[in-house]
Structure formats: C-alpha cells, structure tokens
All heavy atoms as atom14 arrays in JSON, in Angstrom:
{
  "sequence": "KRNTSKKQKKQKVFQWKGVNKQGQKVKGSMPAVDADEVKSALRKQGIT",
  "atom14_mask": [
    [1, 1, 1, 1, 1, 1, 1, 1, 1, 0, 0, 0, 0, 0],
    [1, 1, 1, 1, 1, 1, 1, 1, 1, 1, 1, 0, 0, 0],
    [1, 1, 1, 1, 1, 1, 1, 1, 0, 0, 0, 0, 0, 0],
    [1, 1, 1, 1, 1, 1, 1, 0, 0, 0, 0, 0, 0, 0],
    [1, 1, 1, 1, 1, 1, 0, 0, 0, 0, 0, 0, 0, 0],
    [1, 1, 1, 1, 1, 1, 1, 1, 1, 0, 0, 0, 0, 0],
    [1, 1, 1, 1, 1, 1, 1, 1, 1, 0, 0, 0, 0, 0],
    [1, 1, 1, 1, 1, 1, 1, 1, 1, 0, 0, 0, 0, 0],
    [1, 1, 1, 1, 1, 1, 1, 1, 1, 0, 0, 0, 0, 0],
    [1, 1, 1, 1, 1, 1, 1, 1, 1, 0, 0, 0, 0, 0],
    [1, 1, 1, 1, 1, 1, 1, 1, 1, 0, 0, 0, 0, 0],
    [1, 1, 1, 1, 1, 1, 1, 1, 1, 0, 0, 0, 0, 0],
    [1, 1, 1, 1, 1, 1, 1, 0, 0, 0, 0, 0, 0, 0],
    [1, 1, 1, 1, 1, 1, 1, 1, 1, 1, 1, 0, 0, 0],
    [1, 1, 1, 1, 1, 1, 1, 1, 1, 0, 0, 0, 0, 0],
    [1, 1, 1, 1, 1, 1, 1, 1, 1, 1, 1, 1, 1, 1],
    [1, 1, 1, 1, 1, 1, 1, 1, 1, 0, 0, 0, 0, 0],
    [1, 1, 1, 1, 0, 0, 0, 0, 0, 0, 0, 0, 0, 0],
    [1, 1, 1, 1, 1, 1, 1, 0, 0, 0, 0, 0, 0, 0],
    [1, 1, 1, 1, 1, 1, 1, 1, 0, 0, 0, 0, 0, 0],
    [1, 1, 1, 1, 1, 1, 1, 1, 1, 0, 0, 0, 0, 0],
    [1, 1, 1, 1, 1, 1, 1, 1, 1, 0, 0, 0, 0, 0],
    [1, 1, 1, 1, 0, 0, 0, 0, 0, 0, 0, 0, 0, 0],
    [1, 1, 1, 1, 1, 1, 1, 1, 1, 0, 0, 0, 0, 0],
    [1, 1, 1, 1, 1, 1, 1, 1, 1, 0, 0, 0, 0, 0],
    [1, 1, 1, 1, 1, 1, 1, 0, 0, 0, 0, 0, 0, 0],
    [1, 1, 1, 1, 1, 1, 1, 1, 1, 0, 0, 0, 0, 0],
    [1, 1, 1, 1, 0, 0, 0, 0, 0, 0, 0, 0, 0, 0],
    [1, 1, 1, 1, 1, 1, 0, 0, 0, 0, 0, 0, 0, 0],
    [1, 1, 1, 1, 1, 1, 1, 1, 0, 0, 0, 0, 0, 0],
    [1, 1, 1, 1, 1, 1, 1, 0, 0, 0, 0, 0, 0, 0],
    [1, 1, 1, 1, 1, 0, 0, 0, 0, 0, 0, 0, 0, 0],
    [1, 1, 1, 1, 1, 1, 1, 0, 0, 0, 0, 0, 0, 0],
    [1, 1, 1, 1, 1, 1, 1, 1, 0, 0, 0, 0, 0, 0],
    [1, 1, 1, 1, 1, 0, 0, 0, 0, 0, 0, 0, 0, 0],
    [1, 1, 1, 1, 1, 1, 1, 1, 0, 0, 0, 0, 0, 0],
    [1, 1, 1, 1, 1, 1, 1, 1, 1, 0, 0, 0, 0, 0],
    [1, 1, 1, 1, 1, 1, 1, 0, 0, 0, 0, 0, 0, 0],
    [1, 1, 1, 1, 1, 1, 1, 1, 1, 0, 0, 0, 0, 0],
    [1, 1, 1, 1, 1, 1, 0, 0, 0, 0, 0, 0, 0, 0],
    [1, 1, 1, 1, 1, 0, 0, 0, 0, 0, 0, 0, 0, 0],
    [1, 1, 1, 1, 1, 1, 1, 1, 0, 0, 0, 0, 0, 0],
    [1, 1, 1, 1, 1, 1, 1, 1, 1, 1, 1, 0, 0, 0],
    [1, 1, 1, 1, 1, 1, 1, 1, 1, 0, 0, 0, 0, 0],
    [1, 1, 1, 1, 1, 1, 1, 1, 1, 0, 0, 0, 0, 0],
    [1, 1, 1, 1, 0, 0, 0, 0, 0, 0, 0, 0, 0, 0],
    [1, 1, 1, 1, 1, 1, 1, 1, 0, 0, 0, 0, 0, 0],
    [1, 1, 1, 1, 1, 1, 1, 0, 0, 0, 0, 0, 0, 0]
  ],
  "atom14_positions": [
    [[6.99, 13.83, 17.33], [6.63, 12.65, 18.11], [5.61, 11.71, 17.62], [5.74, 10.52, 17.56], [6.01, 13.06, 19.52], [7.19, 13.57, 20.43], [6.49, 13.95, 21.81], [7.61, 14.51, 22.75], [7.03, 14.85, 24.02], [0.0, 0.0, 0.0], [0.0, 0.0, 0.0], [0.0, 0.0, 0.0], [0.0, 0.0, 0.0], [0.0, 0.0, 0.0]],
    [[4.58, 12.42, 16.74], [3.58, 11.55, 16.16], [4.28, 10.82, 14.86], [4.0, 9.7, 14.73], [2.56, 12.46, 15.49], [1.48, 13.09, 16.59], [0.07, 13.42, 15.82], [0.36, 14.59, 15.08], [0.41, 15.82, 15.56], [0.06, 16.15, 16.78], [0.57, 16.86, 14.64], [0.0, 0.0, 0.0], [0.0, 0.0, 0.0], [0.0, 0.0, 0.0]],
    [[5.21, 11.54, 14.25], [5.91, 10.82, 13.16], [6.67, 9.68, 13.57], [6.75, 8.62, 13.01], [6.68, 11.81, 12.33], [6.01, 12.81, 11.6], [4.8, 12.59, 11.27], [6.53, 13.91, 11.23], [0.0, 0.0, 0.0], [0.0, 0.0, 0.0], [0.0, 0.0, 0.0], [0.0, 0.0, 0.0], [0.0, 0.0, 0.0], [0.0, 0.0, 0.0]],
    [[7.4, 9.81, 14.72], [8.3, 8.82, 15.26], [7.34, 7.72, 15.75], [7.67, 6.51, 15.64], [9.01, 9.42, 16.53], [9.8, 10.58, 16.22], [10.02, 8.33, 17.13], [0.0, 0.0, 0.0], [0.0, 0.0, 0.0], [0.0, 0.0, 0.0], [0.0, 0.0, 0.0], [0.0, 0.0, 0.0], [0.0, 0.0, 0.0], [0.0, 0.0, 0.0]],
    [[6.23, 7.85, 16.37], [5.36, 6.78, 16.92], [4.8, 6.1, 15.78], [4.65, 4.84, 15.67], [4.15, 7.29, 17.69], [3.43, 8.23, 16.92], [0.0, 0.0, 0.0], [0.0, 0.0, 0.0], [0.0, 0.0, 0.0], [0.0, 0.0, 0.0], [0.0, 0.0, 0.0], [0.0, 0.0, 0.0], [0.0, 0.0, 0.0], [0.0, 0.0, 0.0]],
    [[4.6, 6.75, 14.54], [4.04, 6.08, 13.43], [5.18, 5.22, 12.8], [4.79, 4.05, 12.41], [3.59, 7.12, 12.27], [2.98, 6.42, 11.06], [2.43, 7.58, 10.09], [1.81, 6.83, 8.95], [1.15, 7.8, 8.03], [0.0, 0.0, 0.0], [0.0, 0.0, 0.0], [0.0, 0.0, 0.0], [0.0, 0.0, 0.0], [0.0, 0.0, 0.0]],
    [[6.39, 5.54, 12.78], [7.42, 4.83, 12.3], [7.68, 3.42, 13.07], [7.9, 2.39, 12.61], [8.79, 5.52, 12.28], [8.94, 6.48, 11.16], [10.23, 7.08, 11.18], [10.35, 8.12, 10.04], [11.68, 8.77, 10.01], [0.0, 0.0, 0.0], [0.0, 0.0, 0.0], [0.0, 0.0, 0.0], [0.0, 0.0, 0.0], [0.0, 0.0, 0.0]],
    [[7.33, 3.61, 14.46], [7.51, 2.47, 15.38], [6.37, 1.49, 15.39], [6.48, 0.51, 16.04], [7.77, 3.08, 16.76], [9.2, 3.68, 16.98], [9.36, 4.27, 18.25], [8.39, 4.4, 19.09], [10.58, 4.59, 18.63], [0.0, 0.0, 0.0], [0.0, 0.0, 0.0], [0.0, 0.0, 0.0], [0.0, 0.0, 0.0], [0.0, 0.0, 0.0]],
    [[5.3, 1.97, 14.65], [4.09, 1.0, 14.66], [4.58, -0.34, 13.88], [5.31, -0.31, 12.82], [2.96, 1.67, 13.79], [2.27, 2.6, 14.75], [0.95, 3.21, 13.9], [0.23, 4.12, 14.69], [-0.86, 4.81, 13.99], [0.0, 0.0, 0.0], [0.0, 0.0, 0.0], [0.0, 0.0, 0.0], [0.0, 0.0, 0.0], [0.0, 0.0, 0.0]],
    [[4.13, -1.45, 14.19], [4.35, -2.69, 13.64], [3.64, -2.83, 12.36], [2.5, -2.59, 12.26], [3.99, -3.79, 14.56], [4.42, -5.05, 14.03], [4.1, -6.27, 15.08], [4.67, -7.46, 14.66], [4.37, -8.6, 15.56], [0.0, 0.0, 0.0], [0.0, 0.0, 0.0], [0.0, 0.0, 0.0], [0.0, 0.0, 0.0], [0.0, 0.0, 0.0]],
    [[4.54, -3.23, 11.29], [3.78, -3.37, 9.97], [3.11, -4.7, 9.87], [3.43, -5.57, 10.56], [4.96, -3.3, 8.91], [5.59, -1.84, 8.75], [6.59, -1.72, 7.49], [7.22, -2.75, 7.27], [6.64, -0.62, 6.98], [0.0, 0.0, 0.0], [0.0, 0.0, 0.0], [0.0, 0.0, 0.0], [0.0, 0.0, 0.0], [0.0, 0.0, 0.0]],
    [[1.99, -4.7, 9.03], [1.34, -5.92, 8.72], [1.34, -6.13, 7.18], [1.72, -5.26, 6.43], [-0.22, -5.75, 9.21], [-0.25, -5.46, 10.66], [-1.7, -5.31, 11.1], [-2.4, -4.05, 10.61], [-3.8, -3.82, 11.07], [0.0, 0.0, 0.0], [0.0, 0.0, 0.0], [0.0, 0.0, 0.0], [0.0, 0.0, 0.0], [0.0, 0.0, 0.0]],
    [[0.84, -7.29, 6.88], [0.89, -7.73, 5.4], [-0.55, -7.32, 4.94], [-1.58, -7.85, 5.63], [1.16, -9.19, 5.27], [1.1, -9.52, 3.74], [2.61, -9.34, 5.6], [0.0, 0.0, 0.0], [0.0, 0.0, 0.0], [0.0, 0.0, 0.0], [0.0, 0.0, 0.0], [0.0, 0.0, 0.0], [0.0, 0.0, 0.0], [0.0, 0.0, 0.0]],
    [[-0.79, -6.69, 3.78], [-2.01, -6.29, 3.25], [-2.19, -6.91, 1.99], [-1.33, -6.91, 1.18], [-2.26, -4.9, 3.13], [-2.42, -4.0, 4.39], [-1.27, -3.66, 5.19], [-3.62, -3.72, 4.86], [-1.45, -3.12, 6.41], [-3.88, -3.16, 6.18], [-2.72, -2.71, 6.72], [0.0, 0.0, 0.0], [0.0, 0.0, 0.0], [0.0, 0.0, 0.0]],
    [[-3.34, -7.44, 1.72], [-3.71, -8.04, 0.35], [-4.44, -7.01, -0.42], [-5.33, -6.38, 0.07], [-4.66, -9.31, 0.44], [-3.93, -10.5, 1.15], [-2.83, -11.19, 0.5], [-2.64, -10.98, -0.69], [-2.0, -11.78, 1.2], [0.0, 0.0, 0.0], [0.0, 0.0, 0.0], [0.0, 0.0, 0.0], [0.0, 0.0, 0.0], [0.0, 0.0, 0.0]],
    [[-4.03, -6.64, -1.65], [-4.63, -5.65, -2.45], [-5.06, -6.14, -3.94], [-4.48, -7.01, -4.33], [-3.66, -4.47, -2.52], [-2.35, -4.7, -3.2], [-1.21, -5.02, -2.52], [-2.1, -4.76, -4.65], [-0.09, -5.25, -3.38], [-0.69, -5.11, -4.63], [-2.79, -4.55, -5.85], [-0.03, -5.32, -5.84], [-2.16, -4.7, -6.99], [-0.86, -5.06, -7.08]],
    [[-6.01, -5.46, -4.42], [-6.37, -5.75, -5.85], [-6.62, -4.36, -6.36], [-7.06, -3.46, -5.82], [-7.74, -6.43, -5.91], [-7.58, -7.94, -5.49], [-9.06, -8.59, -5.53], [-9.0, -9.9, -5.04], [-10.23, -10.71, -5.04], [0.0, 0.0, 0.0], [0.0, 0.0, 0.0], [0.0, 0.0, 0.0], [0.0, 0.0, 0.0], [0.0, 0.0, 0.0]],
    [[-6.23, -4.13, -7.71], [-6.32, -2.98, -8.36], [-6.26, -3.12, -9.83], [-6.32, -4.18, -10.46], [0.0, 0.0, 0.0], [0.0, 0.0, 0.0], [0.0, 0.0, 0.0], [0.0, 0.0, 0.0], [0.0, 0.0, 0.0], [0.0, 0.0, 0.0], [0.0, 0.0, 0.0], [0.0, 0.0, 0.0], [0.0, 0.0, 0.0], [0.0, 0.0, 0.0]],
    [[-6.08, -1.96, -10.63], [-6.09, -1.85, -12.05], [-4.83, -1.13, -12.53], [-4.58, -0.04, -11.95], [-7.39, -1.28, -12.7], [-7.25, -1.24, -14.2], [-8.62, -2.03, -12.18], [0.0, 0.0, 0.0], [0.0, 0.0, 0.0], [0.0, 0.0, 0.0], [0.0, 0.0, 0.0], [0.0, 0.0, 0.0], [0.0, 0.0, 0.0], [0.0, 0.0, 0.0]],
    [[-3.97, -1.56, -13.38], [-2.9, -0.9, -13.82], [-3.2, 0.03, -14.96], [-4.35, 0.24, -15.28], [-1.72, -1.82, -14.1], [-2.15, -2.82, -15.32], [-3.09, -2.45, -16.03], [-1.37, -3.86, -15.53], [0.0, 0.0, 0.0], [0.0, 0.0, 0.0], [0.0, 0.0, 0.0], [0.0, 0.0, 0.0], [0.0, 0.0, 0.0], [0.0, 0.0, 0.0]],
    [[-2.14, 0.74, -15.41], [-2.3, 1.71, -16.43], [-2.87, 1.22, -17.71], [-3.51, 1.86, -18.56], [-0.9, 2.35, -16.73], [-0.44, 3.23, -15.68], [0.97, 3.87, -16.04], [1.41, 4.73, -14.92], [2.74, 5.25, -15.04], [0.0, 0.0, 0.0], [0.0, 0.0, 0.0], [0.0, 0.0, 0.0], [0.0, 0.0, 0.0], [0.0, 0.0, 0.0]],
    [[-2.7, -0.1, -17.97], [-3.22, -0.72, -19.3], [-4.56, -1.2, -19.08], [-5.15, -1.78, -19.86], [-2.42, -1.92, -19.7], [-1.0, -1.37, -20.25], [0.02, -1.13, -19.13], [0.0, -1.63, -17.99], [0.83, -0.11, -19.52], [0.0, 0.0, 0.0], [0.0, 0.0, 0.0], [0.0, 0.0, 0.0], [0.0, 0.0, 0.0], [0.0, 0.0, 0.0]],
    [[-5.37, -1.1, -17.9], [-6.57, -1.43, -17.62], [-6.71, -2.91, -17.23], [-7.62, -3.44, -17.06], [0.0, 0.0, 0.0], [0.0, 0.0, 0.0], [0.0, 0.0, 0.0], [0.0, 0.0, 0.0], [0.0, 0.0, 0.0], [0.0, 0.0, 0.0], [0.0, 0.0, 0.0], [0.0, 0.0, 0.0], [0.0, 0.0, 0.0], [0.0, 0.0, 0.0]],
    [[-5.47, -3.53, -16.91], [-5.55, -4.9, -16.48], [-5.79, -5.08, -14.94], [-5.13, -4.18, -14.24], [-4.14, -5.57, -16.92], [-4.01, -5.71, -18.39], [-2.62, -6.18, -18.77], [-1.74, -5.85, -18.03], [-2.5, -6.64, -19.93], [0.0, 0.0, 0.0], [0.0, 0.0, 0.0], [0.0, 0.0, 0.0], [0.0, 0.0, 0.0], [0.0, 0.0, 0.0]],
    [[-6.39, -6.1, -14.51], [-6.67, -6.23, -13.17], [-5.34, -6.97, -12.6], [-4.78, -7.97, -13.19], [-7.89, -7.19, -12.86], [-9.18, -6.62, -13.13], [-10.39, -7.45, -12.85], [-11.7, -6.8, -13.26], [-12.86, -7.58, -12.8], [0.0, 0.0, 0.0], [0.0, 0.0, 0.0], [0.0, 0.0, 0.0], [0.0, 0.0, 0.0], [0.0, 0.0, 0.0]],
    [[-4.87, -6.44, -11.49], [-3.64, -7.05, -10.72], [-3.92, -7.07, -9.3], [-4.91, -6.49, -8.75], [-2.49, -6.14, -10.99], [-2.01, -6.14, -12.46], [-2.7, -4.64, -10.62], [0.0, 0.0, 0.0], [0.0, 0.0, 0.0], [0.0, 0.0, 0.0], [0.0, 0.0, 0.0], [0.0, 0.0, 0.0], [0.0, 0.0, 0.0], [0.0, 0.0, 0.0]],
    [[-3.19, -8.03, -8.73], [-3.41, -8.17, -7.26], [-1.97, -8.61, -6.6], [-1.04, -9.07, -7.34], [-4.44, -9.22, -6.84], [-4.14, -10.54, -7.41], [-5.17, -11.64, -7.07], [-4.88, -13.02, -7.52], [-6.02, -14.01, -7.31], [0.0, 0.0, 0.0], [0.0, 0.0, 0.0], [0.0, 0.0, 0.0], [0.0, 0.0, 0.0], [0.0, 0.0, 0.0]],
    [[-1.89, -8.47, -5.34], [-0.6, -8.87, -4.67], [-0.81, -8.62, -3.19], [-1.84, -8.24, -2.58], [0.0, 0.0, 0.0], [0.0, 0.0, 0.0], [0.0, 0.0, 0.0], [0.0, 0.0, 0.0], [0.0, 0.0, 0.0], [0.0, 0.0, 0.0], [0.0, 0.0, 0.0], [0.0, 0.0, 0.0], [0.0, 0.0, 0.0], [0.0, 0.0, 0.0]],
    [[0.24, -8.72, -2.42], [0.44, -8.5, -1.13], [1.57, -7.39, -0.85], [2.57, -7.34, -1.55], [0.71, -9.67, -0.29], [1.88, -10.28, -0.75], [0.0, 0.0, 0.0], [0.0, 0.0, 0.0], [0.0, 0.0, 0.0], [0.0, 0.0, 0.0], [0.0, 0.0, 0.0], [0.0, 0.0, 0.0], [0.0, 0.0, 0.0], [0.0, 0.0, 0.0]],
    [[1.4, -6.55, 0.21], [2.44, -5.56, 0.49], [2.37, -5.3, 1.96], [1.4, -5.25, 2.71], [2.06, -4.32, -0.26], [3.04, -3.24, -0.03], [2.66, -1.71, -0.86], [2.73, -2.15, -2.5], [0.0, 0.0, 0.0], [0.0, 0.0, 0.0], [0.0, 0.0, 0.0], [0.0, 0.0, 0.0], [0.0, 0.0, 0.0], [0.0, 0.0, 0.0]],
    [[3.6, -5.29, 2.58], [3.73, -4.97, 4.05], [3.61, -3.45, 4.23], [4.35, -2.84, 3.42], [5.08, -5.55, 4.49], [5.89, -5.49, 3.17], [4.95, -5.69, 1.93], [0.0, 0.0, 0.0], [0.0, 0.0, 0.0], [0.0, 0.0, 0.0], [0.0, 0.0, 0.0], [0.0, 0.0, 0.0], [0.0, 0.0, 0.0], [0.0, 0.0, 0.0]],
    [[2.93, -3.08, 5.18], [2.75, -1.59, 5.53], [2.1, -1.39, 6.85], [1.71, -2.46, 7.47], [1.9, -0.98, 4.43], [0.0, 0.0, 0.0], [0.0, 0.0, 0.0], [0.0, 0.0, 0.0], [0.0, 0.0, 0.0], [0.0, 0.0, 0.0], [0.0, 0.0, 0.0], [0.0, 0.0, 0.0], [0.0, 0.0, 0.0], [0.0, 0.0, 0.0]],
    [[2.13, -0.24, 7.36], [1.59, 0.11, 8.68], [0.02, 0.16, 8.56], [-0.63, -0.27, 9.49], [2.09, 1.62, 9.09], [1.33, 1.99, 10.46], [3.59, 1.42, 9.36], [0.0, 0.0, 0.0], [0.0, 0.0, 0.0], [0.0, 0.0, 0.0], [0.0, 0.0, 0.0], [0.0, 0.0, 0.0], [0.0, 0.0, 0.0], [0.0, 0.0, 0.0]],
    [[-0.45, 0.66, 7.61], [-1.93, 0.67, 7.4], [-2.34, 0.74, 5.94], [-1.43, 0.67, 5.02], [-2.57, 2.05, 8.16], [-1.87, 3.33, 7.58], [-1.28, 3.43, 6.45], [-1.74, 4.22, 8.48], [0.0, 0.0, 0.0], [0.0, 0.0, 0.0], [0.0, 0.0, 0.0], [0.0, 0.0, 0.0], [0.0, 0.0, 0.0], [0.0, 0.0, 0.0]],
    [[-3.64, 0.74, 5.67], [-4.09, 0.57, 4.25], [-3.74, 1.79, 3.44], [-3.5, 1.79, 2.2], [-5.56, 0.34, 4.31], [0.0, 0.0, 0.0], [0.0, 0.0, 0.0], [0.0, 0.0, 0.0], [0.0, 0.0, 0.0], [0.0, 0.0, 0.0], [0.0, 0.0, 0.0], [0.0, 0.0, 0.0], [0.0, 0.0, 0.0], [0.0, 0.0, 0.0]],
    [[-3.74, 2.98, 4.02], [-3.47, 4.19, 3.37], [-2.09, 4.12, 2.75], [-1.74, 4.64, 1.69], [-3.62, 5.49, 4.25], [-5.03, 5.74, 4.7], [-5.95, 5.2, 3.93], [-5.32, 6.23, 5.77], [0.0, 0.0, 0.0], [0.0, 0.0, 0.0], [0.0, 0.0, 0.0], [0.0, 0.0, 0.0], [0.0, 0.0, 0.0], [0.0, 0.0, 0.0]],
    [[-1.11, 3.66, 3.51], [0.31, 3.49, 3.03], [0.38, 2.62, 1.8], [1.1, 3.0, 0.82], [1.1, 3.03, 4.17], [2.66, 2.99, 3.85], [3.49, 2.54, 4.98], [3.13, 2.51, 6.08], [4.64, 2.06, 4.59], [0.0, 0.0, 0.0], [0.0, 0.0, 0.0], [0.0, 0.0, 0.0], [0.0, 0.0, 0.0], [0.0, 0.0, 0.0]],
    [[-0.47, 1.51, 1.9], [-0.59, 0.48, 0.67], [-1.12, 1.34, -0.54], [-0.45, 1.21, -1.65], [-1.41, -0.7, 0.96], [-1.4, -1.54, -0.27], [-0.76, -1.42, 2.29], [0.0, 0.0, 0.0], [0.0, 0.0, 0.0], [0.0, 0.0, 0.0], [0.0, 0.0, 0.0], [0.0, 0.0, 0.0], [0.0, 0.0, 0.0], [0.0, 0.0, 0.0]],
    [[-2.27, 2.04, -0.49], [-2.71, 2.78, -1.44], [-1.89, 3.82, -2.12], [-1.7, 3.92, -3.25], [-4.09, 3.39, -1.03], [-5.21, 2.5, -0.67], [-6.38, 3.17, -0.11], [-7.5, 2.19, 0.28], [-8.77, 2.78, 0.95], [0.0, 0.0, 0.0], [0.0, 0.0, 0.0], [0.0, 0.0, 0.0], [0.0, 0.0, 0.0], [0.0, 0.0, 0.0]],
    [[-1.19, 4.56, -1.17], [-0.14, 5.56, -1.62], [0.93, 4.95, -2.49], [1.31, 5.41, -3.57], [0.37, 6.32, -0.4], [1.4, 7.28, -0.85], [0.0, 0.0, 0.0], [0.0, 0.0, 0.0], [0.0, 0.0, 0.0], [0.0, 0.0, 0.0], [0.0, 0.0, 0.0], [0.0, 0.0, 0.0], [0.0, 0.0, 0.0], [0.0, 0.0, 0.0]],
    [[1.58, 3.81, -1.99], [2.61, 2.98, -2.69], [2.15, 2.51, -4.1], [2.84, 2.59, -4.98], [3.02, 2.0, -1.81], [0.0, 0.0, 0.0], [0.0, 0.0, 0.0], [0.0, 0.0, 0.0], [0.0, 0.0, 0.0], [0.0, 0.0, 0.0], [0.0, 0.0, 0.0], [0.0, 0.0, 0.0], [0.0, 0.0, 0.0], [0.0, 0.0, 0.0]],
    [[0.71, 2.05, -4.04], [0.3, 1.57, -5.35], [0.12, 2.6, -6.39], [0.43, 2.49, -7.64], [-1.06, 0.73, -5.11], [-0.91, -0.52, -4.36], [-2.34, -1.0, -4.0], [-0.06, -1.6, -5.05], [0.0, 0.0, 0.0], [0.0, 0.0, 0.0], [0.0, 0.0, 0.0], [0.0, 0.0, 0.0], [0.0, 0.0, 0.0], [0.0, 0.0, 0.0]],
    [[-0.32, 3.86, -5.93], [-0.57, 4.98, -6.93], [0.7, 5.39, -7.54], [0.7, 5.84, -8.65], [-1.33, 6.08, -6.13], [-2.8, 5.75, -5.82], [-3.52, 7.05, -5.37], [-4.85, 6.78, -4.95], [-5.21, 6.52, -3.68], [-4.44, 6.61, -2.62], [-6.5, 6.18, -3.4], [0.0, 0.0, 0.0], [0.0, 0.0, 0.0], [0.0, 0.0, 0.0]],
    [[1.77, 5.32, -6.62], [3.19, 5.68, -7.09], [3.58, 4.74, -8.23], [4.35, 5.14, -9.16], [4.19, 5.65, -5.99], [3.92, 6.94, -5.02], [5.07, 6.84, -3.92], [4.7, 7.93, -2.88], [5.71, 7.85, -1.75], [0.0, 0.0, 0.0], [0.0, 0.0, 0.0], [0.0, 0.0, 0.0], [0.0, 0.0, 0.0], [0.0, 0.0, 0.0]],
    [[3.08, 3.58, -8.27], [3.55, 2.54, -9.17], [2.56, 2.55, -10.41], [2.68, 1.73, -11.3], [3.48, 1.05, -8.63], [4.49, 1.04, -7.45], [4.33, -0.37, -6.7], [3.85, -1.37, -7.35], [4.8, -0.44, -5.56], [0.0, 0.0, 0.0], [0.0, 0.0, 0.0], [0.0, 0.0, 0.0], [0.0, 0.0, 0.0], [0.0, 0.0, 0.0]],
    [[1.71, 3.35, -10.37], [0.66, 3.55, -11.51], [-0.63, 2.5, -11.42], [-1.18, 2.18, -12.47], [0.0, 0.0, 0.0], [0.0, 0.0, 0.0], [0.0, 0.0, 0.0], [0.0, 0.0, 0.0], [0.0, 0.0, 0.0], [0.0, 0.0, 0.0], [0.0, 0.0, 0.0], [0.0, 0.0, 0.0], [0.0, 0.0, 0.0], [0.0, 0.0, 0.0]],
    [[-0.8, 2.05, -10.2], [-1.86, 1.0, -9.99], [-3.12, 1.83, -9.13], [-2.67, 2.5, -8.2], [-1.49, -0.26, -9.2], [-0.39, -0.92, -10.05], [-2.59, -1.14, -8.95], [0.36, -1.99, -9.39], [0.0, 0.0, 0.0], [0.0, 0.0, 0.0], [0.0, 0.0, 0.0], [0.0, 0.0, 0.0], [0.0, 0.0, 0.0], [0.0, 0.0, 0.0]],
    [[-4.14, 1.68, -9.64], [-5.41, 2.29, -9.03], [-5.84, 1.15, -8.1], [-6.39, 0.25, -8.57], [-6.55, 2.67, -9.91], [-6.0, 3.62, -10.95], [-7.71, 3.33, -9.31], [0.0, 0.0, 0.0], [0.0, 0.0, 0.0], [0.0, 0.0, 0.0], [0.0, 0.0, 0.0], [0.0, 0.0, 0.0], [0.0, 0.0, 0.0], [0.0, 0.0, 0.0]]
  ]
}
C-alpha cells in the first residue's frame, strides 16, 4: 500500500546541480516525486 501510494504521488520538477565523473560542474532539471529520487537517478548517471 505504501509503494502504491508513493507511485500515485504527483511528480514535481526539481532543479539540480552536481559534478560529473570528469569533475565538471553540471546542472539541469528533472521531474520526480521527491529530492531523494532525483539524487538516486543522478548517481546512476555518474553525477554527484
């Protein structure tokens, strides 16, 4: 039920800044339910 309710939460657009594998500063926007989801997606892409 908790997982289902999380899926049904409305997504928002988050602005993020980070550093990629080459040490370059990058930024952008990403739709997600919360900030933790954005951070998790960025780490999978090799962005801190």
